[in-house]
Amino acid sequence: MRPIFTEFALFATPFVAYALFLWATRTGVLDEKAWSRPRLFWLAAVALVLVIASFLVLAEFTGSPPRSTYIPAHMENGQLVPGVEK
């Protein structure tokens, strides 16, 4: 669940930042003119770029080292042996 919440938080960040900007400039946060379609499009585009960038960062900098071998969990002598990387 944590990765899902992390990606949702990254997606929501531009919208929350824009709402805080509207609040700080005393513009109506609930004013329809402040949330026009082009502005929502650009906020959504920035949000998608953040999410895609986070996927690329996770793919590049986490996980197993290159050329490592994973031995899945298995049973030995009636005992469950957890999976390991070699």
PDB file of N, CA and C in Angstrom:
ATOM      1  N   MET A   1       0.813  -1.199   0.000  1.00  0.00           N
ATOM      2  CA  MET A   1       0.000   0.000   0.000  1.00  0.00           C
ATOM      3  C   MET A   1       0.860   1.269   0.000  1.00  0.00           C
ATOM      4  N   ARG A   2       2.036   1.198   0.634  1.00  0.00           N
ATOM      5  CA  ARG A   2       2.875   2.384   0.711  1.00  0.00           C
ATOM      6  C   ARG A   2       3.287   2.911  -0.666  1.00  0.00           C
ATOM      7  N   PRO A   3       3.682   2.051  -1.607  1.00  0.00           N
ATOM      8  CA  PRO A   3       4.029   2.591  -2.937  1.00  0.00           C
ATOM      9  C   PRO A   3       2.850   3.279  -3.623  1.00  0.00           C
ATOM     10  N   ILE A   4       1.652   2.773  -3.414  1.00  0.00           N
ATOM     11  CA  ILE A   4       0.472   3.392  -4.019  1.00  0.00           C
ATOM     12  C   ILE A   4       0.246   4.774  -3.416  1.00  0.00           C
ATOM     13  N   PHE A   5       0.355   4.888  -2.093  1.00  0.00           N
ATOM     14  CA  PHE A   5       0.180   6.178  -1.439  1.00  0.00           C
ATOM     15  C   PHE A   5       1.288   7.157  -1.839  1.00  0.00           C
ATOM     16  N   THR A   6       2.501   6.640  -2.018  1.00  0.00           N
ATOM     17  CA  THR A   6       3.609   7.496  -2.433  1.00  0.00           C
ATOM     18  C   THR A   6       3.346   8.072  -3.817  1.00  0.00           C
ATOM     19  N   GLU A   7       2.917   7.244  -4.746  1.00  0.00           N
ATOM     20  CA  GLU A   7       2.637   7.721  -6.102  1.00  0.00           C
ATOM     21  C   GLU A   7       1.443   8.678  -6.105  1.00  0.00           C
ATOM     22  N   PHE A   8       0.435   8.391  -5.295  1.00  0.00           N
ATOM     23  CA  PHE A   8      -0.709   9.305  -5.200  1.00  0.00           C
ATOM     24  C   PHE A   8      -0.277  10.655  -4.640  1.00  0.00           C
ATOM     25  N   ALA A   9       0.601  10.629  -3.628  1.00  0.00           N
ATOM     26  CA  ALA A   9       1.088  11.885  -3.047  1.00  0.00           C
ATOM     27  C   ALA A   9       1.887  12.683  -4.078  1.00  0.00           C
ATOM     28  N   LEU A  10       2.695  11.992  -4.880  1.00  0.00           N
ATOM     29  CA  LEU A  10       3.444  12.688  -5.932  1.00  0.00           C
ATOM     30  C   LEU A  10       2.495  13.281  -6.972  1.00  0.00           C
ATOM     31  N   PHE A  11       1.437  12.547  -7.307  1.00  0.00           N
ATOM     32  CA  PHE A  11       0.479  13.057  -8.288  1.00  0.00           C
ATOM     33  C   PHE A  11      -0.278  14.261  -7.728  1.00  0.00           C
ATOM     34  N   ALA A  12      -0.610  14.239  -6.451  1.00  0.00           N
ATOM     35  CA  ALA A  12      -1.394  15.321  -5.839  1.00  0.00           C
ATOM     36  C   ALA A  12      -0.562  16.559  -5.527  1.00  0.00           C
ATOM     37  N   THR A  13       0.762  16.431  -5.488  1.00  0.00           N
ATOM     38  CA  THR A  13       1.635  17.531  -5.097  1.00  0.00           C
ATOM     39  C   THR A  13       1.427  18.811  -5.912  1.00  0.00           C
ATOM     40  N   PRO A  14       1.391  18.781  -7.248  1.00  0.00           N
ATOM     41  CA  PRO A  14       1.193  20.036  -7.986  1.00  0.00           C
ATOM     42  C   PRO A  14      -0.151  20.699  -7.681  1.00  0.00           C
ATOM     43  N   PHE A  15      -1.194  19.912  -7.499  1.00  0.00           N
ATOM     44  CA  PHE A  15      -2.512  20.469  -7.204  1.00  0.00           C
ATOM     45  C   PHE A  15      -2.533  21.125  -5.827  1.00  0.00           C
ATOM     46  N   VAL A  16      -1.919  20.472  -4.855  1.00  0.00           N
ATOM     47  CA  VAL A  16      -1.848  21.031  -3.503  1.00  0.00           C
ATOM     48  C   VAL A  16      -0.979  22.283  -3.495  1.00  0.00           C
ATOM     49  N   ALA A  17       0.142  22.247  -4.213  1.00  0.00           N
ATOM     50  CA  ALA A  17       1.015  23.425  -4.275  1.00  0.00           C
ATOM     51  C   ALA A  17       0.286  24.602  -4.920  1.00  0.00           C
ATOM     52  N   TYR A  18      -0.482  24.338  -5.964  1.00  0.00           N
ATOM     53  CA  TYR A  18      -1.228  25.411  -6.616  1.00  0.00           C
ATOM     54  C   TYR A  18      -2.316  25.958  -5.690  1.00  0.00           C
ATOM     55  N   ALA A  19      -2.992  25.075  -4.964  1.00  0.00           N
ATOM     56  CA  ALA A  19      -4.005  25.525  -4.010  1.00  0.00           C
ATOM     57  C   ALA A  19      -3.368  26.384  -2.916  1.00  0.00           C
ATOM     58  N   LEU A  20      -2.192  25.986  -2.436  1.00  0.00           N
ATOM     59  CA  LEU A  20      -1.486  26.800  -1.436  1.00  0.00           C
ATOM     60  C   LEU A  20      -1.065  28.141  -2.019  1.00  0.00           C
ATOM     61  N   PHE A  21      -0.645  28.155  -3.291  1.00  0.00           N
ATOM     62  CA  PHE A  21      -0.308  29.408  -3.952  1.00  0.00           C
ATOM     63  C   PHE A  21      -1.522  30.325  -4.033  1.00  0.00           C
ATOM     64  N   LEU A  22      -2.669  29.757  -4.401  1.00  0.00           N
ATOM     65  CA  LEU A  22      -3.892  30.564  -4.466  1.00  0.00           C
ATOM     66  C   LEU A  22      -4.257  31.112  -3.093  1.00  0.00           C
ATOM     67  N   TRP A  23      -4.111  30.288  -2.084  1.00  0.00           N
ATOM     68  CA  TRP A  23      -4.430  30.718  -0.722  1.00  0.00           C
ATOM     69  C   TRP A  23      -3.461  31.827  -0.272  1.00  0.00           C
ATOM     70  N   ALA A  24      -2.173  31.675  -0.597  1.00  0.00           N
ATOM     71  CA  ALA A  24      -1.177  32.664  -0.176  1.00  0.00           C
ATOM     72  C   ALA A  24      -1.355  33.999  -0.897  1.00  0.00           C
ATOM     73  N   THR A  25      -1.844  33.972  -2.128  1.00  0.00           N
ATOM     74  CA  THR A  25      -2.037  35.220  -2.880  1.00  0.00           C
ATOM     75  C   THR A  25      -3.437  35.792  -2.689  1.00  0.00           C
ATOM     76  N   ARG A  26      -4.188  35.204  -1.792  1.00  0.00           N
ATOM     77  CA  ARG A  26      -5.544  35.656  -1.463  1.00  0.00           C
ATOM     78  C   ARG A  26      -6.511  35.537  -2.644  1.00  0.00           C
ATOM     79  N   THR A  27      -6.176  34.685  -3.590  1.00  0.00           N
ATOM     80  CA  THR A  27      -7.092  34.380  -4.684  1.00  0.00           C
ATOM     81  C   THR A  27      -8.020  33.274  -4.192  1.00  0.00           C
ATOM     82  N   GLY A  28      -9.239  33.275  -4.663  1.00  0.00           N
ATOM     83  CA  GLY A  28     -10.185  32.262  -4.210  1.00  0.00           C
ATOM     84  C   GLY A  28      -9.780  30.862  -4.627  1.00  0.00           C
ATOM     85  N   VAL A  29      -9.501  30.011  -3.651  1.00  0.00           N
ATOM     86  CA  VAL A  29      -9.112  28.636  -3.947  1.00  0.00           C
ATOM     87  C   VAL A  29     -10.257  27.887  -4.607  1.00  0.00           C
ATOM     88  N   LEU A  30     -11.477  28.214  -4.254  1.00  0.00           N
ATOM     89  CA  LEU A  30     -12.637  27.542  -4.827  1.00  0.00           C
ATOM     90  C   LEU A  30     -13.225  28.288  -6.020  1.00  0.00           C
ATOM     91  N   ASP A  31     -12.553  29.321  -6.474  1.00  0.00           N
ATOM     92  CA  ASP A  31     -13.019  30.086  -7.629  1.00  0.00           C
ATOM     93  C   ASP A  31     -12.807  29.268  -8.900  1.00  0.00           C
ATOM     94  N   GLU A  32     -13.851  29.127  -9.709  1.00  0.00           N
ATOM     95  CA  GLU A  32     -13.763  28.330 -10.935  1.00  0.00           C
ATOM     96  C   GLU A  32     -12.750  28.895 -11.920  1.00  0.00           C
ATOM     97  N   LYS A  33     -12.587  30.209 -11.950  1.00  0.00           N
ATOM     98  CA  LYS A  33     -11.640  30.825 -12.885  1.00  0.00           C
ATOM     99  C   LYS A  33     -10.198  30.454 -12.556  1.00  0.00           C
ATOM    100  N   ALA A  34      -9.915  30.213 -11.295  1.00  0.00           N
ATOM    101  CA  ALA A  34      -8.560  29.841 -10.898  1.00  0.00           C
ATOM    102  C   ALA A  34      -8.215  28.415 -11.320  1.00  0.00           C
ATOM    103  N   TRP A  35      -9.231  27.585 -11.562  1.00  0.00           N
ATOM    104  CA  TRP A  35      -9.028  26.182 -11.926  1.00  0.00           C
ATOM    105  C   TRP A  35      -9.532  25.928 -13.350  1.00  0.00           C
ATOM    106  N   SER A  36      -9.070  26.715 -14.285  1.00  0.00           N
ATOM    107  CA  SER A  36      -9.508  26.564 -15.674  1.00  0.00           C
ATOM    108  C   SER A  36      -8.970  25.264 -16.271  1.00  0.00           C
ATOM    109  N   ARG A  37      -9.565  24.847 -17.390  1.00  0.00           N
ATOM    110  CA  ARG A  37      -9.142  23.602 -18.033  1.00  0.00           C
ATOM    111  C   ARG A  37      -7.671  23.602 -18.438  1.00  0.00           C
ATOM    112  N   PRO A  38      -7.182  24.676 -19.077  1.00  0.00           N
ATOM    113  CA  PRO A  38      -5.747  24.649 -19.424  1.00  0.00           C
ATOM    114  C   PRO A  38      -4.844  24.533 -18.197  1.00  0.00           C
ATOM    115  N   ARG A  39      -5.212  25.212 -17.128  1.00  0.00           N
ATOM    116  CA  ARG A  39      -4.403  25.138 -15.910  1.00  0.00           C
ATOM    117  C   ARG A  39      -4.455  23.731 -15.322  1.00  0.00           C
ATOM    118  N   LEU A  40      -5.633  23.112 -15.309  1.00  0.00           N
ATOM    119  CA  LEU A  40      -5.747  21.740 -14.815  1.00  0.00           C
ATOM    120  C   LEU A  40      -4.956  20.778 -15.696  1.00  0.00           C
ATOM    121  N   PHE A  41      -4.963  21.024 -17.015  1.00  0.00           N
ATOM    122  CA  PHE A  41      -4.183  20.192 -17.922  1.00  0.00           C
ATOM    123  C   PHE A  41      -2.703  20.252 -17.569  1.00  0.00           C
ATOM    124  N   TRP A  42      -2.172  21.462 -17.356  1.00  0.00           N
ATOM    125  CA  TRP A  42      -0.758  21.595 -17.039  1.00  0.00           C
ATOM    126  C   TRP A  42      -0.421  21.032 -15.662  1.00  0.00           C
ATOM    127  N   LEU A  43      -1.318  21.186 -14.711  1.00  0.00           N
ATOM    128  CA  LEU A  43      -1.091  20.578 -13.391  1.00  0.00           C
ATOM    129  C   LEU A  43      -1.054  19.060 -13.500  1.00  0.00           C
ATOM    130  N   ALA A  44      -1.971  18.492 -14.283  1.00  0.00           N
ATOM    131  CA  ALA A  44      -1.987  17.040 -14.477  1.00  0.00           C
ATOM    132  C   ALA A  44      -0.746  16.579 -15.233  1.00  0.00           C
ATOM    133  N   ALA A  45      -0.298  17.364 -16.204  1.00  0.00           N
ATOM    134  CA  ALA A  45       0.916  17.002 -16.945  1.00  0.00           C
ATOM    135  C   ALA A  45       2.130  16.991 -16.025  1.00  0.00           C
ATOM    136  N   VAL A  46       2.254  18.003 -15.182  1.00  0.00           N
ATOM    137  CA  VAL A  46       3.367  18.047 -14.224  1.00  0.00           C
ATOM    138  C   VAL A  46       3.267  16.874 -13.254  1.00  0.00           C
ATOM    139  N   ALA A  47       2.054  16.561 -12.817  1.00  0.00           N
ATOM    140  CA  ALA A  47       1.859  15.444 -11.897  1.00  0.00           C
ATOM    141  C   ALA A  47       2.290  14.129 -12.547  1.00  0.00           C
ATOM    142  N   LEU A  48       1.924  13.924 -13.812  1.00  0.00           N
ATOM    143  CA  LEU A  48       2.329  12.698 -14.507  1.00  0.00           C
ATOM    144  C   LEU A  48       3.837  12.631 -14.709  1.00  0.00           C
ATOM    145  N   VAL A  49       4.463  13.756 -14.974  1.00  0.00           N
ATOM    146  CA  VAL A  49       5.925  13.779 -15.104  1.00  0.00           C
ATOM    147  C   VAL A  49       6.571  13.382 -13.776  1.00  0.00           C
ATOM    148  N   LEU A  50       6.043  13.880 -12.670  1.00  0.00           N
ATOM    149  CA  LEU A  50       6.575  13.502 -11.354  1.00  0.00           C
ATOM    150  C   LEU A  50       6.442  12.003 -11.100  1.00  0.00           C
ATOM    151  N   VAL A  51       5.288  11.449 -11.427  1.00  0.00           N
ATOM    152  CA  VAL A  51       5.058  10.018 -11.200  1.00  0.00           C
ATOM    153  C   VAL A  51       5.974   9.189 -12.091  1.00  0.00           C
ATOM    154  N   ILE A  52       6.078   9.542 -13.358  1.00  0.00           N
ATOM    155  CA  ILE A  52       6.944   8.793 -14.273  1.00  0.00           C
ATOM    156  C   ILE A  52       8.401   8.912 -13.844  1.00  0.00           C
ATOM    157  N   ALA A  53       8.816  10.109 -13.432  1.00  0.00           N
ATOM    158  CA  ALA A  53      10.192  10.288 -12.951  1.00  0.00           C
ATOM    159  C   ALA A  53      10.454   9.434 -11.717  1.00  0.00           C
ATOM    160  N   SER A  54       9.479   9.324 -10.830  1.00  0.00           N
ATOM    161  CA  SER A  54       9.682   8.497  -9.642  1.00  0.00           C
ATOM    162  C   SER A  54       9.802   7.025 -10.015  1.00  0.00           C
ATOM    163  N   PHE A  55       9.033   6.577 -11.011  1.00  0.00           N
ATOM    164  CA  PHE A  55       9.168   5.195 -11.485  1.00  0.00           C
ATOM    165  C   PHE A  55      10.564   4.953 -12.058  1.00  0.00           C
ATOM    166  N   LEU A  56      11.067   5.905 -12.833  1.00  0.00           N
ATOM    167  CA  LEU A  56      12.402   5.755 -13.415  1.00  0.00           C
ATOM    168  C   LEU A  56      13.483   5.748 -12.339  1.00  0.00           C
ATOM    169  N   VAL A  57      13.355   6.616 -11.341  1.00  0.00           N
ATOM    170  CA  VAL A  57      14.331   6.650 -10.248  1.00  0.00           C
ATOM    171  C   VAL A  57      14.297   5.339  -9.473  1.00  0.00           C
ATOM    172  N   LEU A  58      13.113   4.831  -9.179  1.00  0.00           N
ATOM    173  CA  LEU A  58      13.016   3.557  -8.463  1.00  0.00           C
ATOM    174  C   LEU A  58      13.597   2.415  -9.275  1.00  0.00           C
ATOM    175  N   ALA A  59      13.337   2.400 -10.573  1.00  0.00           N
ATOM    176  CA  ALA A  59      13.860   1.332 -11.419  1.00  0.00           C
ATOM    177  C   ALA A  59      15.380   1.393 -11.522  1.00  0.00           C
ATOM    178  N   GLU A  60      15.927   2.589 -11.531  1.00  0.00           N
ATOM    179  CA  GLU A  60      17.374   2.744 -11.719  1.00  0.00           C
ATOM    180  C   GLU A  60      18.166   2.528 -10.440  1.00  0.00           C
ATOM    181  N   PHE A  61      17.651   2.985  -9.312  1.00  0.00           N
ATOM    182  CA  PHE A  61      18.461   3.015  -8.096  1.00  0.00           C
ATOM    183  C   PHE A  61      18.022   2.053  -6.995  1.00  0.00           C
ATOM    184  N   THR A  62      17.038   1.215  -7.234  1.00  0.00           N
ATOM    185  CA  THR A  62      16.648   0.235  -6.219  1.00  0.00           C
ATOM    186  C   THR A  62      16.658  -1.151  -6.842  1.00  0.00           C
ATOM    187  N   GLY A  63      16.465  -2.138  -6.017  1.00  0.00           N
ATOM    188  CA  GLY A  63      16.404  -3.509  -6.515  1.00  0.00           C
ATOM    189  C   GLY A  63      17.733  -4.226  -6.365  1.00  0.00           C
ATOM    190  N   SER A  64      17.808  -5.350  -6.996  1.00  0.00           N
ATOM    191  CA  SER A  64      18.998  -6.191  -6.918  1.00  0.00           C
ATOM    192  C   SER A  64      20.122  -5.632  -7.775  1.00  0.00           C
ATOM    193  N   PRO A  65      21.357  -5.964  -7.414  1.00  0.00           N
ATOM    194  CA  PRO A  65      22.470  -5.533  -8.248  1.00  0.00           C
ATOM    195  C   PRO A  65      22.430  -6.235  -9.606  1.00  0.00           C
ATOM    196  N   PRO A  66      23.043  -5.640 -10.600  1.00  0.00           N
ATOM    197  CA  PRO A  66      23.068  -6.278 -11.920  1.00  0.00           C
ATOM    198  C   PRO A  66      23.712  -7.654 -11.869  1.00  0.00           C
ATOM    199  N   ARG A  67      23.211  -8.552 -12.659  1.00  0.00           N
ATOM    200  CA  ARG A  67      23.713  -9.928 -12.816  1.00  0.00           C
ATOM    201  C   ARG A  67      23.614 -10.758 -11.534  1.00  0.00           C
ATOM    202  N   SER A  68      22.738 -10.359 -10.615  1.00  0.00           N
ATOM    203  CA  SER A  68      22.546 -11.171  -9.417  1.00  0.00           C
ATOM    204  C   SER A  68      21.514 -12.254  -9.722  1.00  0.00           C
ATOM    205  N   THR A  69      21.562 -13.312  -8.955  1.00  0.00           N
ATOM    206  CA  THR A  69      20.643 -14.430  -9.142  1.00  0.00           C
ATOM    207  C   THR A  69      19.750 -14.536  -7.922  1.00  0.00           C
ATOM    208  N   TYR A  70      18.462 -14.695  -8.169  1.00  0.00           N
ATOM    209  CA  TYR A  70      17.509 -14.838  -7.074  1.00  0.00           C
ATOM    210  C   TYR A  70      17.124 -16.304  -6.959  1.00  0.00           C
ATOM    211  N   ILE A  71      17.244 -16.835  -5.758  1.00  0.00           N
ATOM    212  CA  ILE A  71      16.795 -18.199  -5.485  1.00  0.00           C
ATOM    213  C   ILE A  71      15.495 -18.067  -4.718  1.00  0.00           C
ATOM    214  N   PRO A  72      14.362 -18.492  -5.316  1.00  0.00           N
ATOM    215  CA  PRO A  72      13.069 -18.295  -4.662  1.00  0.00           C
ATOM    216  C   PRO A  72      12.927 -19.126  -3.391  1.00  0.00           C
ATOM    217  N   ALA A  73      11.950 -18.773  -2.594  1.00  0.00           N
ATOM    218  CA  ALA A  73      11.656 -19.520  -1.375  1.00  0.00           C
ATOM    219  C   ALA A  73      11.329 -20.966  -1.745  1.00  0.00           C
ATOM    220  N   HIS A  74      11.791 -21.889  -0.904  1.00  0.00           N
ATOM    221  CA  HIS A  74      11.566 -23.306  -1.186  1.00  0.00           C
ATOM    222  C   HIS A  74      11.565 -24.088   0.130  1.00  0.00           C
ATOM    223  N   MET A  75      11.203 -25.350   0.017  1.00  0.00           N
ATOM    224  CA  MET A  75      11.146 -26.212   1.197  1.00  0.00           C
ATOM    225  C   MET A  75      12.406 -27.078   1.250  1.00  0.00           C
ATOM    226  N   GLU A  76      13.019 -27.148   2.434  1.00  0.00           N
ATOM    227  CA  GLU A  76      14.144 -28.046   2.687  1.00  0.00           C
ATOM    228  C   GLU A  76      13.893 -28.747   4.006  1.00  0.00           C
ATOM    229  N   ASN A  77      13.839 -30.071   3.983  1.00  0.00           N
ATOM    230  CA  ASN A  77      13.605 -30.868   5.177  1.00  0.00           C
ATOM    231  C   ASN A  77      12.358 -30.427   5.937  1.00  0.00           C
ATOM    232  N   GLY A  78      11.309 -30.088   5.206  1.00  0.00           N
ATOM    233  CA  GLY A  78      10.062 -29.678   5.830  1.00  0.00           C
ATOM    234  C   GLY A  78      10.053 -28.263   6.360  1.00  0.00           C
ATOM    235  N   GLN A  79      11.094 -27.507   6.135  1.00  0.00           N
ATOM    236  CA  GLN A  79      11.191 -26.130   6.597  1.00  0.00           C
ATOM    237  C   GLN A  79      11.160 -25.183   5.386  1.00  0.00           C
ATOM    238  N   LEU A  80      10.478 -24.066   5.554  1.00  0.00           N
ATOM    239  CA  LEU A  80      10.450 -23.062   4.504  1.00  0.00           C
ATOM    240  C   LEU A  80      11.712 -22.215   4.577  1.00  0.00           C
ATOM    241  N   VAL A  81      12.453 -22.204   3.485  1.00  0.00           N
ATOM    242  CA  VAL A  81      13.673 -21.411   3.391  1.00  0.00           C
ATOM    243  C   VAL A  81      13.333 -20.171   2.571  1.00  0.00           C
ATOM    244  N   PRO A  82      13.557 -18.947   3.138  1.00  0.00           N
ATOM    245  CA  PRO A  82      13.201 -17.723   2.389  1.00  0.00           C
ATOM    246  C   PRO A  82      14.082 -17.554   1.156  1.00  0.00           C
ATOM    247  N   GLY A  83      13.588 -16.777   0.225  1.00  0.00           N
ATOM    248  CA  GLY A  83      14.340 -16.487  -0.987  1.00  0.00           C
ATOM    249  C   GLY A  83      15.553 -15.624  -0.683  1.00  0.00           C
ATOM    250  N   VAL A  84      16.614 -15.822  -1.445  1.00  0.00           N
ATOM    251  CA  VAL A  84      17.858 -15.073  -1.245  1.00  0.00           C
ATOM    252  C   VAL A  84      18.407 -14.632  -2.592  1.00  0.00           C
ATOM    253  N   GLU A  85      19.258 -13.613  -2.558  1.00  0.00           N
ATOM    254  CA  GLU A  85      19.975 -13.160  -3.747  1.00  0.00           C
ATOM    255  C   GLU A  85      21.407 -13.626  -3.653  1.00  0.00           C
ATOM    256  N   LYS A  86      21.938 -14.065  -4.778  1.00  0.00           N
ATOM    257  CA  LYS A  86      23.359 -14.471  -4.819  1.00  0.00           C
ATOM    258  C   LYS A  86      24.021 -13.801  -5.971  1.00  0.00           C
TER     259      LYS A  86
END
